[in-house]
């Protein structure tokens, strides 16, 4: 878990290591049945998926209890990883695929994550508002903004993992949304081998 600690900028607690290892075991067990992640990425599961998700943690407040929405959560990436590593926040994992929801429910229960709720329906069915909306490999930027803007509190922000197409995606949205942007180089290359980004976007 050395790479995870580097992404966090701190040492992992024993309980966190056990939960991350437990998550990895569950993912490997379930993946042949419902294809939670691309099978080709399993040999490098820690870096490709866990580190990629964990690098969002330093961009979450260290104190307080925020409501975080993970859209298109799939295998719980990044939602379950964030719930393990930032247990003081509350996470709603939105996923409309019922088989993946079954995995999310089971994983949250097995790992003892009491700060997780699973929304087993399309994101458009949600009515609450959240401090942070996050997602990973779910949709392009325009779709993310269009579908989740009503779910974000006025002072909230999007915290996203995006690939090298980030600039092109933002350009398509510049006349629709007025945003402030912070971006940080990802510790993991995107799926095409290019530069990935952690990006925080806030409405002006």
N, C-alpha and C. Protein backbone atom coordinates (compact mmCIF):
# COMPACT_ATOMS: atom_id res chain seq x y z
N UNK A 1 0.81 -1.20 0.00
CA UNK A 1 0.00 0.00 0.00
C UNK A 1 0.86 1.28 0.00
N UNK A 2 2.12 1.12 -0.38
CA UNK A 2 3.03 2.26 -0.39
C UNK A 2 2.55 3.37 -1.32
N UNK A 3 2.03 2.99 -2.49
CA UNK A 3 1.58 3.99 -3.46
C UNK A 3 0.36 4.75 -2.94
N UNK A 4 -0.49 4.08 -2.18
CA UNK A 4 -1.65 4.74 -1.59
C UNK A 4 -1.19 5.79 -0.58
N UNK A 5 -0.22 5.43 0.24
CA UNK A 5 0.30 6.36 1.23
C UNK A 5 0.93 7.58 0.56
N UNK A 6 1.60 7.37 -0.55
CA UNK A 6 2.18 8.49 -1.29
C UNK A 6 1.08 9.41 -1.82
N UNK A 7 0.01 8.82 -2.30
CA UNK A 7 -1.11 9.63 -2.81
C UNK A 7 -1.78 10.42 -1.69
N UNK A 8 -1.84 9.84 -0.49
CA UNK A 8 -2.48 10.50 0.64
C UNK A 8 -1.56 11.51 1.31
N UNK A 9 -0.27 11.29 1.22
CA UNK A 9 0.68 12.13 1.94
C UNK A 9 0.72 11.80 3.42
N UNK A 10 0.33 10.60 3.77
CA UNK A 10 0.36 10.16 5.17
C UNK A 10 0.40 8.64 5.22
N UNK A 11 0.67 8.12 6.41
CA UNK A 11 0.67 6.68 6.60
C UNK A 11 -0.76 6.17 6.75
N UNK A 12 -0.99 4.96 6.30
CA UNK A 12 -2.29 4.32 6.47
C UNK A 12 -2.40 3.72 7.87
N UNK A 13 -3.61 3.80 8.40
CA UNK A 13 -3.89 3.12 9.65
C UNK A 13 -4.11 1.63 9.38
N UNK A 14 -3.91 0.83 10.41
CA UNK A 14 -4.07 -0.62 10.26
C UNK A 14 -5.46 -0.97 9.74
N UNK A 15 -6.48 -0.32 10.30
CA UNK A 15 -7.86 -0.61 9.87
C UNK A 15 -8.06 -0.23 8.41
N UNK A 16 -7.45 0.86 7.96
CA UNK A 16 -7.57 1.28 6.55
C UNK A 16 -6.92 0.26 5.62
N UNK A 17 -5.76 -0.23 6.00
CA UNK A 17 -5.08 -1.25 5.20
C UNK A 17 -5.97 -2.48 5.08
N UNK A 18 -6.55 -2.92 6.19
CA UNK A 18 -7.40 -4.10 6.18
C UNK A 18 -8.62 -3.89 5.30
N UNK A 19 -9.22 -2.70 5.36
CA UNK A 19 -10.39 -2.43 4.54
C UNK A 19 -10.04 -2.34 3.06
N UNK A 20 -8.93 -1.71 2.72
CA UNK A 20 -8.52 -1.62 1.32
C UNK A 20 -8.19 -3.00 0.76
N UNK A 21 -7.52 -3.81 1.56
CA UNK A 21 -7.22 -5.18 1.13
C UNK A 21 -8.51 -5.99 1.00
N UNK A 22 -9.43 -5.78 1.92
CA UNK A 22 -10.72 -6.46 1.83
C UNK A 22 -11.49 -6.04 0.59
N UNK A 23 -11.45 -4.76 0.27
CA UNK A 23 -12.11 -4.27 -0.94
C UNK A 23 -11.51 -4.92 -2.18
N UNK A 24 -10.19 -4.97 -2.24
CA UNK A 24 -9.52 -5.56 -3.41
C UNK A 24 -9.90 -7.03 -3.57
N UNK A 25 -10.00 -7.75 -2.46
CA UNK A 25 -10.38 -9.15 -2.51
C UNK A 25 -11.80 -9.32 -3.02
N UNK A 26 -12.71 -8.49 -2.53
CA UNK A 26 -14.11 -8.56 -2.97
C UNK A 26 -14.22 -8.23 -4.46
N UNK A 27 -13.48 -7.23 -4.90
CA UNK A 27 -13.54 -6.84 -6.31
C UNK A 27 -13.06 -7.98 -7.21
N UNK A 28 -12.00 -8.64 -6.80
CA UNK A 28 -11.48 -9.76 -7.60
C UNK A 28 -12.47 -10.93 -7.62
N UNK A 29 -13.17 -11.12 -6.51
CA UNK A 29 -14.14 -12.21 -6.44
C UNK A 29 -15.34 -11.95 -7.33
N UNK A 30 -15.82 -10.72 -7.33
CA UNK A 30 -17.04 -10.38 -8.05
C UNK A 30 -16.82 -10.04 -9.52
N UNK A 31 -15.63 -9.61 -9.86
CA UNK A 31 -15.41 -9.09 -11.22
C UNK A 31 -15.70 -10.10 -12.33
N UNK A 32 -15.36 -11.37 -12.18
CA UNK A 32 -15.70 -12.32 -13.26
C UNK A 32 -17.20 -12.46 -13.50
N UNK A 33 -18.00 -12.14 -12.48
CA UNK A 33 -19.45 -12.31 -12.61
C UNK A 33 -20.12 -11.10 -13.26
N UNK A 34 -19.67 -9.89 -12.90
CA UNK A 34 -20.41 -8.71 -13.38
C UNK A 34 -19.50 -7.63 -13.99
N UNK A 35 -18.24 -7.92 -14.19
CA UNK A 35 -17.35 -7.01 -14.91
C UNK A 35 -17.38 -5.59 -14.33
N UNK A 36 -16.97 -5.50 -13.10
CA UNK A 36 -16.95 -4.20 -12.41
C UNK A 36 -15.87 -3.28 -12.97
N UNK A 37 -14.72 -3.85 -13.29
CA UNK A 37 -13.63 -3.11 -13.93
C UNK A 37 -13.08 -3.96 -15.07
N UNK A 38 -12.34 -3.34 -15.96
CA UNK A 38 -11.75 -4.09 -17.07
C UNK A 38 -10.80 -5.17 -16.51
N UNK A 39 -10.98 -6.43 -16.90
CA UNK A 39 -10.12 -7.50 -16.37
C UNK A 39 -8.63 -7.23 -16.56
N UNK A 40 -8.28 -6.53 -17.63
CA UNK A 40 -6.86 -6.26 -17.91
C UNK A 40 -6.23 -5.36 -16.86
N UNK A 41 -7.06 -4.66 -16.05
CA UNK A 41 -6.51 -3.75 -15.04
C UNK A 41 -6.32 -4.42 -13.69
N UNK A 42 -6.80 -5.65 -13.53
CA UNK A 42 -6.73 -6.30 -12.22
C UNK A 42 -5.30 -6.58 -11.73
N UNK A 43 -4.36 -6.93 -12.63
CA UNK A 43 -2.99 -7.14 -12.12
C UNK A 43 -2.39 -5.90 -11.48
N UNK A 44 -2.83 -4.73 -11.87
CA UNK A 44 -2.33 -3.48 -11.30
C UNK A 44 -3.45 -2.76 -10.56
N UNK A 45 -4.26 -3.55 -9.82
CA UNK A 45 -5.45 -3.02 -9.16
C UNK A 45 -5.14 -1.89 -8.20
N UNK A 46 -4.07 -2.04 -7.42
CA UNK A 46 -3.78 -1.02 -6.41
C UNK A 46 -3.54 0.34 -7.05
N UNK A 47 -2.65 0.39 -8.03
CA UNK A 47 -2.33 1.69 -8.62
C UNK A 47 -3.43 2.16 -9.56
N UNK A 48 -3.92 1.28 -10.40
CA UNK A 48 -4.86 1.68 -11.46
C UNK A 48 -6.19 2.16 -10.89
N UNK A 49 -6.63 1.54 -9.78
CA UNK A 49 -7.95 1.87 -9.26
C UNK A 49 -7.92 2.47 -7.85
N UNK A 50 -7.20 1.84 -6.93
CA UNK A 50 -7.23 2.31 -5.55
C UNK A 50 -6.47 3.63 -5.40
N UNK A 51 -5.26 3.69 -5.93
CA UNK A 51 -4.49 4.94 -5.86
C UNK A 51 -5.20 6.05 -6.62
N UNK A 52 -5.74 5.71 -7.79
CA UNK A 52 -6.44 6.71 -8.60
C UNK A 52 -7.58 7.34 -7.81
N UNK A 53 -8.29 6.54 -7.05
CA UNK A 53 -9.39 7.05 -6.23
C UNK A 53 -8.87 7.76 -4.98
N UNK A 54 -7.86 7.19 -4.34
CA UNK A 54 -7.34 7.72 -3.07
C UNK A 54 -6.75 9.11 -3.23
N UNK A 55 -6.27 9.45 -4.42
CA UNK A 55 -5.63 10.75 -4.60
C UNK A 55 -6.62 11.92 -4.47
N UNK A 56 -7.93 11.62 -4.43
CA UNK A 56 -8.92 12.66 -4.19
C UNK A 56 -9.00 13.06 -2.72
N UNK A 57 -8.57 12.18 -1.83
CA UNK A 57 -8.75 12.42 -0.40
C UNK A 57 -8.11 13.72 0.07
N UNK A 58 -6.87 14.06 -0.33
CA UNK A 58 -6.29 15.32 0.13
C UNK A 58 -7.06 16.56 -0.32
N UNK A 59 -7.96 16.41 -1.28
CA UNK A 59 -8.76 17.53 -1.75
C UNK A 59 -10.12 17.63 -1.04
N UNK A 60 -10.35 16.73 -0.09
CA UNK A 60 -11.54 16.80 0.77
C UNK A 60 -11.16 17.47 2.08
N UNK A 61 -12.07 18.22 2.71
CA UNK A 61 -11.75 18.83 4.01
C UNK A 61 -11.37 17.77 5.04
N UNK A 62 -10.37 18.09 5.83
CA UNK A 62 -9.90 17.15 6.85
C UNK A 62 -10.84 17.09 8.03
N UNK A 63 -11.69 18.13 8.19
CA UNK A 63 -12.63 18.16 9.30
C UNK A 63 -14.03 18.43 8.76
N UNK A 64 -15.00 18.32 9.66
CA UNK A 64 -16.39 18.51 9.23
C UNK A 64 -16.95 17.23 8.65
N UNK A 65 -18.22 17.30 8.28
CA UNK A 65 -18.90 16.13 7.72
C UNK A 65 -19.69 16.58 6.49
N UNK A 66 -19.09 16.42 5.33
CA UNK A 66 -19.73 16.83 4.09
C UNK A 66 -20.54 15.69 3.49
N UNK A 67 -21.54 16.06 2.70
CA UNK A 67 -22.30 15.10 1.93
C UNK A 67 -21.68 15.01 0.53
N UNK A 68 -21.21 13.83 0.18
CA UNK A 68 -20.51 13.62 -1.09
C UNK A 68 -21.31 12.64 -1.94
N UNK A 69 -21.54 13.01 -3.19
CA UNK A 69 -22.25 12.15 -4.14
C UNK A 69 -21.26 11.60 -5.16
N UNK A 70 -21.18 10.28 -5.25
CA UNK A 70 -20.36 9.61 -6.26
C UNK A 70 -21.29 9.09 -7.34
N UNK A 71 -21.22 9.68 -8.53
CA UNK A 71 -22.16 9.38 -9.61
C UNK A 71 -21.62 8.28 -10.51
N UNK A 72 -22.47 7.32 -10.86
CA UNK A 72 -22.02 6.20 -11.67
C UNK A 72 -20.95 5.41 -10.95
N UNK A 73 -21.24 5.08 -9.70
CA UNK A 73 -20.21 4.55 -8.80
C UNK A 73 -19.63 3.21 -9.26
N UNK A 74 -20.44 2.39 -9.92
CA UNK A 74 -19.92 1.14 -10.48
C UNK A 74 -19.35 0.20 -9.44
N UNK A 75 -18.04 0.09 -9.43
CA UNK A 75 -17.34 -0.76 -8.46
C UNK A 75 -17.07 -0.05 -7.15
N UNK A 76 -17.63 1.16 -6.99
CA UNK A 76 -17.34 1.94 -5.79
C UNK A 76 -16.08 2.75 -5.92
N UNK A 77 -15.76 3.11 -7.16
CA UNK A 77 -14.55 3.88 -7.44
C UNK A 77 -14.96 5.24 -7.99
N UNK A 78 -14.71 6.32 -7.27
CA UNK A 78 -13.90 6.37 -6.05
C UNK A 78 -14.68 6.25 -4.74
N UNK A 79 -16.02 6.14 -4.77
CA UNK A 79 -16.83 6.29 -3.57
C UNK A 79 -16.43 5.43 -2.38
N UNK A 80 -16.28 4.12 -2.58
CA UNK A 80 -15.95 3.24 -1.46
C UNK A 80 -14.55 3.53 -0.92
N UNK A 81 -13.62 3.83 -1.82
CA UNK A 81 -12.25 4.13 -1.37
C UNK A 81 -12.25 5.41 -0.54
N UNK A 82 -12.99 6.42 -0.98
CA UNK A 82 -13.08 7.66 -0.21
C UNK A 82 -13.75 7.42 1.14
N UNK A 83 -14.76 6.58 1.17
CA UNK A 83 -15.45 6.29 2.43
C UNK A 83 -14.53 5.60 3.42
N UNK A 84 -13.63 4.79 2.93
CA UNK A 84 -12.64 4.13 3.81
C UNK A 84 -11.65 5.15 4.36
N UNK A 85 -11.16 6.03 3.49
CA UNK A 85 -10.04 6.91 3.84
C UNK A 85 -10.48 8.26 4.39
N UNK A 86 -11.75 8.60 4.25
CA UNK A 86 -12.27 9.86 4.80
C UNK A 86 -13.59 9.57 5.52
N UNK A 87 -13.53 8.81 6.61
CA UNK A 87 -14.75 8.28 7.24
C UNK A 87 -15.62 9.34 7.91
N UNK A 88 -15.12 10.55 8.08
CA UNK A 88 -15.92 11.60 8.70
C UNK A 88 -16.91 12.22 7.72
N UNK A 89 -16.76 11.96 6.42
CA UNK A 89 -17.72 12.44 5.43
C UNK A 89 -18.76 11.36 5.14
N UNK A 90 -19.90 11.77 4.57
CA UNK A 90 -20.97 10.83 4.24
C UNK A 90 -21.10 10.72 2.72
N UNK A 91 -21.19 9.50 2.24
CA UNK A 91 -21.12 9.23 0.81
C UNK A 91 -22.40 8.57 0.31
N UNK A 92 -22.94 9.11 -0.77
CA UNK A 92 -24.04 8.48 -1.49
C UNK A 92 -23.49 7.98 -2.82
N UNK A 93 -23.63 6.69 -3.05
CA UNK A 93 -23.12 6.07 -4.29
C UNK A 93 -24.30 5.84 -5.21
N UNK A 94 -24.35 6.59 -6.32
CA UNK A 94 -25.45 6.49 -7.27
C UNK A 94 -25.07 5.56 -8.41
N UNK A 95 -25.85 4.49 -8.59
CA UNK A 95 -25.56 3.50 -9.63
C UNK A 95 -26.87 2.85 -10.07
N UNK A 96 -27.16 2.90 -11.37
CA UNK A 96 -28.44 2.36 -11.83
C UNK A 96 -28.37 0.89 -12.22
N UNK A 97 -27.17 0.33 -12.40
CA UNK A 97 -27.03 -1.09 -12.70
C UNK A 97 -27.27 -1.88 -11.41
N UNK A 98 -28.32 -2.67 -11.38
CA UNK A 98 -28.72 -3.35 -10.14
C UNK A 98 -27.69 -4.38 -9.68
N UNK A 99 -26.99 -5.00 -10.61
CA UNK A 99 -25.95 -5.97 -10.21
C UNK A 99 -24.79 -5.26 -9.53
N UNK A 100 -24.42 -4.10 -10.05
CA UNK A 100 -23.34 -3.34 -9.41
C UNK A 100 -23.79 -2.79 -8.07
N UNK A 101 -25.07 -2.43 -7.97
CA UNK A 101 -25.60 -2.00 -6.67
C UNK A 101 -25.52 -3.11 -5.64
N UNK A 102 -25.77 -4.33 -6.07
CA UNK A 102 -25.66 -5.47 -5.15
C UNK A 102 -24.24 -5.57 -4.61
N UNK A 103 -23.26 -5.36 -5.48
CA UNK A 103 -21.86 -5.37 -5.04
C UNK A 103 -21.60 -4.23 -4.06
N UNK A 104 -22.09 -3.03 -4.37
CA UNK A 104 -21.86 -1.88 -3.50
C UNK A 104 -22.47 -2.09 -2.12
N UNK A 105 -23.70 -2.61 -2.06
CA UNK A 105 -24.34 -2.91 -0.78
C UNK A 105 -23.52 -3.92 0.01
N UNK A 106 -23.13 -5.01 -0.68
CA UNK A 106 -22.39 -6.07 -0.02
C UNK A 106 -21.03 -5.55 0.48
N UNK A 107 -20.32 -4.80 -0.36
CA UNK A 107 -18.99 -4.31 0.01
C UNK A 107 -19.08 -3.35 1.19
N UNK A 108 -20.03 -2.42 1.16
CA UNK A 108 -20.16 -1.47 2.26
C UNK A 108 -20.45 -2.21 3.58
N UNK A 109 -21.33 -3.22 3.52
CA UNK A 109 -21.66 -4.00 4.72
C UNK A 109 -20.46 -4.81 5.19
N UNK A 110 -19.81 -5.51 4.28
CA UNK A 110 -18.68 -6.37 4.64
C UNK A 110 -17.53 -5.57 5.22
N UNK A 111 -17.29 -4.37 4.68
CA UNK A 111 -16.17 -3.54 5.12
C UNK A 111 -16.54 -2.68 6.32
N UNK A 112 -17.80 -2.73 6.75
CA UNK A 112 -18.22 -1.98 7.93
C UNK A 112 -18.30 -0.48 7.71
N UNK A 113 -18.67 -0.07 6.50
CA UNK A 113 -18.73 1.35 6.16
C UNK A 113 -20.11 1.90 6.47
N UNK A 114 -20.25 2.51 7.64
CA UNK A 114 -21.53 3.04 8.06
C UNK A 114 -21.81 4.43 7.48
N UNK A 115 -20.84 4.99 6.76
CA UNK A 115 -20.98 6.33 6.16
C UNK A 115 -21.34 6.25 4.69
N UNK A 116 -21.89 5.13 4.25
CA UNK A 116 -22.21 4.90 2.84
C UNK A 116 -23.69 4.58 2.67
N UNK A 117 -24.32 5.25 1.69
CA UNK A 117 -25.66 4.89 1.22
C UNK A 117 -25.56 4.58 -0.27
N UNK A 118 -26.34 3.63 -0.72
CA UNK A 118 -26.36 3.28 -2.15
C UNK A 118 -27.70 3.72 -2.73
N UNK A 119 -27.63 4.52 -3.78
CA UNK A 119 -28.83 4.96 -4.50
C UNK A 119 -28.95 4.09 -5.75
N UNK A 120 -29.85 3.12 -5.69
CA UNK A 120 -29.95 2.11 -6.76
C UNK A 120 -30.93 2.56 -7.83
N UNK A 121 -30.61 3.68 -8.47
CA UNK A 121 -31.46 4.21 -9.54
C UNK A 121 -30.68 5.27 -10.30
N UNK A 122 -31.27 5.76 -11.37
CA UNK A 122 -30.63 6.80 -12.15
C UNK A 122 -30.42 8.05 -11.29
N UNK A 123 -29.33 8.78 -11.56
CA UNK A 123 -28.99 9.95 -10.77
C UNK A 123 -30.10 11.01 -10.84
N UNK A 124 -30.85 11.03 -11.93
CA UNK A 124 -31.91 12.03 -12.08
C UNK A 124 -33.04 11.83 -11.08
N UNK A 125 -33.07 10.68 -10.40
CA UNK A 125 -34.11 10.41 -9.41
C UNK A 125 -33.75 10.97 -8.03
N UNK A 126 -32.53 11.43 -7.87
CA UNK A 126 -32.12 11.99 -6.59
C UNK A 126 -32.74 13.37 -6.39
N UNK A 127 -33.03 13.70 -5.14
CA UNK A 127 -33.61 15.00 -4.82
C UNK A 127 -32.80 15.79 -3.81
N UNK A 128 -31.88 15.14 -3.12
CA UNK A 128 -31.05 15.84 -2.14
C UNK A 128 -30.01 16.70 -2.85
N UNK A 129 -29.35 17.57 -2.08
CA UNK A 129 -28.23 18.33 -2.60
C UNK A 129 -26.97 17.99 -1.81
N UNK A 130 -25.83 18.13 -2.47
CA UNK A 130 -24.58 17.64 -1.92
C UNK A 130 -23.51 18.72 -1.95
N UNK A 131 -22.54 18.58 -1.03
CA UNK A 131 -21.42 19.53 -0.98
C UNK A 131 -20.42 19.27 -2.10
N UNK A 132 -20.24 18.00 -2.43
CA UNK A 132 -19.28 17.62 -3.46
C UNK A 132 -19.90 16.54 -4.33
N UNK A 133 -19.72 16.67 -5.63
CA UNK A 133 -20.10 15.63 -6.58
C UNK A 133 -18.82 15.10 -7.23
N UNK A 134 -18.64 13.81 -7.20
CA UNK A 134 -17.47 13.21 -7.81
C UNK A 134 -17.88 12.08 -8.74
N UNK A 135 -17.02 11.77 -9.68
CA UNK A 135 -17.23 10.60 -10.53
C UNK A 135 -15.93 10.26 -11.24
N UNK A 136 -15.90 9.07 -11.77
CA UNK A 136 -14.70 8.55 -12.43
C UNK A 136 -15.16 7.72 -13.64
N UNK A 137 -14.75 8.16 -14.82
CA UNK A 137 -15.06 7.41 -16.06
C UNK A 137 -16.55 7.18 -16.22
N UNK A 138 -17.34 8.19 -15.90
CA UNK A 138 -18.80 8.05 -15.98
C UNK A 138 -19.36 8.70 -17.23
N UNK A 139 -18.98 9.94 -17.49
CA UNK A 139 -19.55 10.67 -18.62
C UNK A 139 -18.63 11.83 -18.96
N UNK A 140 -18.90 12.48 -20.11
CA UNK A 140 -18.12 13.67 -20.43
C UNK A 140 -18.60 14.83 -19.58
N UNK A 141 -17.82 15.92 -19.62
CA UNK A 141 -18.06 17.03 -18.72
C UNK A 141 -19.44 17.66 -18.90
N UNK A 142 -19.88 17.80 -20.15
CA UNK A 142 -21.17 18.43 -20.38
C UNK A 142 -22.30 17.62 -19.75
N UNK A 143 -22.24 16.30 -19.90
CA UNK A 143 -23.26 15.44 -19.29
C UNK A 143 -23.18 15.50 -17.77
N UNK A 144 -21.97 15.52 -17.23
CA UNK A 144 -21.81 15.60 -15.77
C UNK A 144 -22.47 16.86 -15.24
N UNK A 145 -22.16 17.99 -15.86
CA UNK A 145 -22.72 19.26 -15.39
C UNK A 145 -24.23 19.30 -15.55
N UNK A 146 -24.71 18.88 -16.69
CA UNK A 146 -26.14 18.96 -16.97
C UNK A 146 -26.95 18.11 -15.99
N UNK A 147 -26.47 16.90 -15.72
CA UNK A 147 -27.23 15.97 -14.89
C UNK A 147 -27.07 16.21 -13.39
N UNK A 148 -25.93 16.77 -12.98
CA UNK A 148 -25.68 16.89 -11.55
C UNK A 148 -25.76 18.31 -11.01
N UNK A 149 -25.83 19.32 -11.87
CA UNK A 149 -25.94 20.70 -11.37
C UNK A 149 -27.07 20.89 -10.37
N UNK A 150 -28.26 20.31 -10.62
CA UNK A 150 -29.35 20.50 -9.65
C UNK A 150 -29.07 19.84 -8.30
N UNK A 151 -28.09 18.94 -8.26
CA UNK A 151 -27.80 18.19 -7.04
C UNK A 151 -26.69 18.81 -6.21
N UNK A 152 -26.08 19.86 -6.73
CA UNK A 152 -24.94 20.48 -6.05
C UNK A 152 -25.39 21.72 -5.28
N UNK A 153 -24.99 21.81 -4.03
CA UNK A 153 -25.30 22.98 -3.22
C UNK A 153 -24.66 24.23 -3.84
N UNK A 154 -25.20 25.42 -3.57
CA UNK A 154 -24.68 26.63 -4.20
C UNK A 154 -23.18 26.84 -4.02
N UNK A 155 -22.64 26.49 -2.89
CA UNK A 155 -21.21 26.65 -2.65
C UNK A 155 -20.43 25.34 -2.85
N UNK A 156 -21.10 24.36 -3.46
CA UNK A 156 -20.46 23.06 -3.65
C UNK A 156 -19.53 23.04 -4.84
N UNK A 157 -18.88 21.91 -5.04
CA UNK A 157 -17.93 21.79 -6.15
C UNK A 157 -17.92 20.37 -6.69
N UNK A 158 -17.50 20.26 -7.94
CA UNK A 158 -17.25 18.97 -8.56
C UNK A 158 -15.79 18.61 -8.32
N UNK A 159 -15.52 17.38 -7.92
CA UNK A 159 -14.17 16.89 -7.74
C UNK A 159 -14.04 15.64 -8.60
N UNK A 160 -13.33 15.77 -9.72
CA UNK A 160 -13.39 14.77 -10.77
C UNK A 160 -12.03 14.21 -11.12
N UNK A 161 -12.04 12.99 -11.61
CA UNK A 161 -10.87 12.36 -12.21
C UNK A 161 -11.09 12.33 -13.71
N UNK A 162 -10.25 13.07 -14.45
CA UNK A 162 -10.44 13.18 -15.89
C UNK A 162 -9.14 12.89 -16.61
N UNK A 163 -9.27 12.49 -17.88
CA UNK A 163 -8.11 12.16 -18.70
C UNK A 163 -7.63 13.32 -19.55
N UNK A 164 -6.88 13.00 -20.57
CA UNK A 164 -6.24 14.04 -21.38
C UNK A 164 -7.24 14.84 -22.21
N UNK A 165 -8.49 14.39 -22.29
CA UNK A 165 -9.52 15.13 -23.02
C UNK A 165 -10.13 16.25 -22.19
N UNK A 166 -9.59 16.52 -21.01
CA UNK A 166 -10.18 17.51 -20.11
C UNK A 166 -10.38 18.86 -20.78
N UNK A 167 -9.37 19.40 -21.44
CA UNK A 167 -9.47 20.73 -22.04
C UNK A 167 -10.56 20.79 -23.10
N UNK A 168 -10.62 19.77 -23.93
CA UNK A 168 -11.63 19.73 -24.98
C UNK A 168 -13.02 19.65 -24.38
N UNK A 169 -13.18 18.88 -23.32
CA UNK A 169 -14.49 18.75 -22.68
C UNK A 169 -14.91 20.06 -22.03
N UNK A 170 -13.98 20.74 -21.38
CA UNK A 170 -14.30 22.01 -20.76
C UNK A 170 -14.69 23.06 -21.79
N UNK A 171 -14.03 23.02 -22.94
CA UNK A 171 -14.32 24.00 -23.98
C UNK A 171 -15.76 23.89 -24.48
N UNK A 172 -16.28 22.68 -24.55
CA UNK A 172 -17.66 22.49 -25.00
C UNK A 172 -18.67 23.04 -24.00
N UNK A 173 -18.22 23.28 -22.77
CA UNK A 173 -19.13 23.72 -21.72
C UNK A 173 -18.98 25.20 -21.37
N UNK A 174 -17.99 25.88 -21.94
CA UNK A 174 -17.66 27.22 -21.47
C UNK A 174 -18.77 28.24 -21.67
N UNK A 175 -19.64 28.02 -22.65
CA UNK A 175 -20.75 28.95 -22.84
C UNK A 175 -21.99 28.55 -22.03
N UNK A 176 -21.95 27.37 -21.44
CA UNK A 176 -23.10 26.88 -20.68
C UNK A 176 -22.93 27.06 -19.18
N UNK A 177 -21.67 26.96 -18.71
CA UNK A 177 -21.41 27.02 -17.28
C UNK A 177 -20.23 27.95 -17.02
N UNK A 178 -20.34 28.79 -16.00
CA UNK A 178 -19.25 29.67 -15.59
C UNK A 178 -18.60 29.05 -14.35
N UNK A 179 -17.34 28.65 -14.49
CA UNK A 179 -16.69 27.86 -13.45
C UNK A 179 -15.31 28.39 -13.14
N UNK A 180 -14.91 28.21 -11.88
CA UNK A 180 -13.50 28.36 -11.54
C UNK A 180 -12.88 26.96 -11.52
N UNK A 181 -11.65 26.88 -11.92
CA UNK A 181 -11.02 25.57 -12.10
C UNK A 181 -9.70 25.49 -11.35
N UNK A 182 -9.50 24.37 -10.67
CA UNK A 182 -8.20 24.00 -10.11
C UNK A 182 -7.88 22.61 -10.65
N UNK A 183 -6.67 22.41 -11.12
CA UNK A 183 -6.31 21.08 -11.60
C UNK A 183 -4.95 20.67 -11.07
N UNK A 184 -4.82 19.36 -10.88
CA UNK A 184 -3.61 18.79 -10.31
C UNK A 184 -3.25 17.54 -11.11
N UNK A 185 -1.97 17.36 -11.47
CA UNK A 185 -1.60 16.17 -12.24
C UNK A 185 -1.95 14.89 -11.49
N UNK A 186 -2.57 13.97 -12.20
CA UNK A 186 -2.92 12.69 -11.60
C UNK A 186 -1.68 11.85 -11.35
N UNK A 187 -1.76 11.01 -10.36
CA UNK A 187 -0.69 10.05 -10.09
C UNK A 187 -0.81 8.82 -10.97
N UNK A 188 -1.88 8.75 -11.75
CA UNK A 188 -2.13 7.60 -12.62
C UNK A 188 -2.44 8.12 -14.02
N UNK A 189 -1.78 7.57 -15.04
CA UNK A 189 -2.07 7.96 -16.41
C UNK A 189 -3.48 7.53 -16.78
N UNK A 190 -4.11 8.27 -17.71
CA UNK A 190 -5.45 7.87 -18.12
C UNK A 190 -5.40 6.61 -18.96
N UNK A 191 -6.56 6.12 -19.36
CA UNK A 191 -6.65 4.80 -19.99
C UNK A 191 -5.88 4.71 -21.30
N UNK A 192 -5.66 5.86 -21.97
CA UNK A 192 -4.92 5.87 -23.22
C UNK A 192 -3.44 6.12 -23.02
N UNK A 193 -3.02 6.19 -21.77
CA UNK A 193 -1.60 6.38 -21.50
C UNK A 193 -1.18 7.83 -21.41
N UNK A 194 -2.14 8.77 -21.55
CA UNK A 194 -1.82 10.19 -21.49
C UNK A 194 -1.92 10.71 -20.07
N UNK A 195 -1.76 12.02 -19.95
CA UNK A 195 -1.81 12.65 -18.63
C UNK A 195 -3.24 12.73 -18.12
N UNK A 196 -3.43 12.28 -16.89
CA UNK A 196 -4.72 12.41 -16.25
C UNK A 196 -4.69 13.58 -15.27
N UNK A 197 -5.88 13.97 -14.80
CA UNK A 197 -5.98 15.12 -13.92
C UNK A 197 -6.98 14.87 -12.79
N UNK A 198 -6.68 15.45 -11.65
CA UNK A 198 -7.67 15.69 -10.60
C UNK A 198 -8.11 17.13 -10.79
N UNK A 199 -9.40 17.37 -10.96
CA UNK A 199 -9.88 18.72 -11.23
C UNK A 199 -11.04 19.06 -10.29
N UNK A 200 -10.94 20.25 -9.70
CA UNK A 200 -12.01 20.78 -8.86
C UNK A 200 -12.64 21.96 -9.61
N UNK A 201 -13.95 21.92 -9.75
CA UNK A 201 -14.68 22.95 -10.47
C UNK A 201 -15.79 23.51 -9.58
N UNK A 202 -15.87 24.82 -9.53
CA UNK A 202 -16.86 25.49 -8.69
C UNK A 202 -17.57 26.54 -9.52
N UNK A 203 -18.88 26.63 -9.36
CA UNK A 203 -19.64 27.63 -10.11
C UNK A 203 -19.32 29.04 -9.62
N UNK A 204 -19.20 29.96 -10.54
CA UNK A 204 -18.96 31.37 -10.21
C UNK A 204 -20.30 32.02 -9.83
